[in-house]
C-alpha cells in the first residue's frame, strides 16, 4: 500500500514539473510584459496583427484600454489581454536624457 502512495505522489510531482510549471511561468512572464507596456512599444496581438501602442487609458471604474496603430491612420481599441507578445520595447526617453545631461 505504501508503495502505491509513493508512486502516486511521484506521478503527480512529475506531472507538475513537466506540464504545469512551464505554463504557469509563461503566464507570469506574459502578465509582467503586459503590465510594463509603454506608448511606442511594438506588439503582436493574439489575432496575429503587428501594431504600435499609441495610448494607454487607465480608469478606476473601467478596465484598462489600449489604442494600437496597425497601419498609418488605422487605430484599434482593445484591452491589454489582446496583446499576445511585445515585439520591440521603446527605450525610455527619460533615462536617455538624464544620462546624457548628467555629464556636463
Protein backbone atom coordinates (compact mmCIF):
# COMPACT_ATOMS: atom_id res chain seq x y z
CA UNK A 1 0.00 0.00 0.00
CA UNK A 2 2.78 2.45 0.85
CA UNK A 3 4.50 1.91 -2.49
CA UNK A 4 1.30 2.90 -4.33
CA UNK A 5 1.13 6.16 -2.44
CA UNK A 6 4.78 6.91 -3.22
CA UNK A 7 4.24 6.16 -6.91
CA UNK A 8 1.10 8.32 -6.94
CA UNK A 9 2.95 11.29 -5.45
CA UNK A 10 5.84 10.74 -7.87
CA UNK A 11 3.46 10.81 -10.84
CA UNK A 12 1.71 13.94 -9.55
CA UNK A 13 5.09 15.63 -8.96
CA UNK A 14 6.31 14.72 -12.45
CA UNK A 15 3.06 15.99 -13.96
CA UNK A 16 3.51 19.32 -12.17
CA UNK A 17 7.16 19.73 -13.15
CA UNK A 18 6.74 18.67 -16.78
CA UNK A 19 3.38 20.19 -17.68
CA UNK A 20 2.06 22.76 -15.23
CA UNK A 21 5.13 24.65 -14.06
CA UNK A 22 6.25 25.87 -17.52
CA UNK A 23 2.72 27.08 -18.30
CA UNK A 24 2.48 28.96 -15.00
CA UNK A 25 5.89 30.60 -15.59
CA UNK A 26 4.88 31.59 -19.13
CA UNK A 27 1.65 33.16 -17.82
CA UNK A 28 3.58 35.15 -15.20
CA UNK A 29 6.03 36.42 -17.85
CA UNK A 30 3.17 37.42 -20.17
CA UNK A 31 1.38 39.25 -17.36
CA UNK A 32 4.61 41.06 -16.46
CA UNK A 33 5.23 42.05 -20.09
CA UNK A 34 1.69 43.39 -20.47
CA UNK A 35 1.89 45.39 -17.24
CA UNK A 36 5.06 47.10 -18.50
CA UNK A 37 3.56 48.24 -21.84
CA UNK A 38 4.50 51.78 -22.87
CA UNK A 39 3.40 54.09 -25.64
CA UNK A 40 5.55 53.34 -28.68
CA UNK A 41 6.07 49.62 -27.99
CA UNK A 42 5.57 47.32 -30.96
CA UNK A 43 3.30 44.39 -30.12
CA UNK A 44 1.89 41.29 -31.74
CA UNK A 45 -1.81 40.86 -30.98
CA UNK A 46 -3.32 37.49 -30.22
CA UNK A 47 -5.11 37.85 -33.58
CA UNK A 48 -1.76 37.99 -35.39
CA UNK A 49 -1.55 41.72 -36.15
CA UNK A 50 1.59 43.78 -35.57
CA UNK A 51 0.79 47.18 -34.11
CA UNK A 52 2.30 50.07 -32.16
CA UNK A 53 0.85 51.16 -28.81
CA UNK A 54 -0.36 54.77 -29.18
CA UNK A 55 -2.35 55.27 -25.95
CA UNK A 56 -2.89 53.52 -22.64
CA UNK A 57 -6.05 54.65 -20.83
CA UNK A 58 -6.38 53.54 -17.22
CA UNK A 59 -9.52 54.40 -15.30
CA UNK A 60 -10.53 53.15 -11.87
CA UNK A 61 -14.12 52.35 -12.79
CA UNK A 62 -13.30 50.60 -16.10
CA UNK A 63 -10.85 48.10 -17.47
CA UNK A 64 -7.58 49.44 -18.88
CA UNK A 65 -7.88 50.23 -22.57
CA UNK A 66 -5.10 50.47 -25.15
CA UNK A 67 -5.13 52.10 -28.56
CA UNK A 68 -3.00 50.36 -31.18
CA UNK A 69 -1.95 51.67 -34.59
CA UNK A 70 -1.89 48.74 -37.01
CA UNK A 71 -1.23 50.90 -40.09
CA UNK A 72 -0.82 54.65 -40.61
CA UNK A 73 -4.16 56.15 -39.60
CA UNK A 74 -5.71 52.81 -38.58
CA UNK A 75 -6.31 52.88 -34.82
CA UNK A 76 -7.67 49.88 -32.92
CA UNK A 77 -9.08 49.98 -29.39
CA UNK A 78 -8.75 46.96 -27.16
CA UNK A 79 -7.75 45.55 -23.82
CA UNK A 80 -4.21 44.64 -22.82
CA UNK A 81 -5.21 40.97 -22.84
CA UNK A 82 -5.45 41.23 -26.65
CA UNK A 83 -1.66 41.65 -26.79
CA UNK A 84 -0.01 38.32 -27.45
CA UNK A 85 3.58 39.45 -27.06
CA UNK A 86 5.80 42.52 -27.07
CA UNK A 87 7.98 42.52 -30.19
CA UNK A 88 10.06 45.62 -29.52
CA UNK A 89 10.17 47.90 -26.49
CA UNK A 90 10.82 51.62 -26.79
CA UNK A 91 13.79 52.84 -24.75
CA UNK A 92 12.71 55.22 -22.01
CA UNK A 93 13.35 58.79 -23.13
CA UNK A 94 13.65 59.95 -19.52
CA UNK A 95 16.60 57.64 -18.88
CA UNK A 96 18.33 58.74 -22.08
CA UNK A 97 18.04 62.45 -21.30
CA UNK A 98 19.08 62.08 -17.66
CA UNK A 99 22.20 60.07 -18.50
CA UNK A 100 23.27 62.36 -21.35
CA UNK A 101 22.65 65.55 -19.36
CA UNK A 102 24.49 64.47 -16.20
CA UNK A 103 27.95 64.51 -17.79
CA UNK A 104 28.15 68.34 -18.05
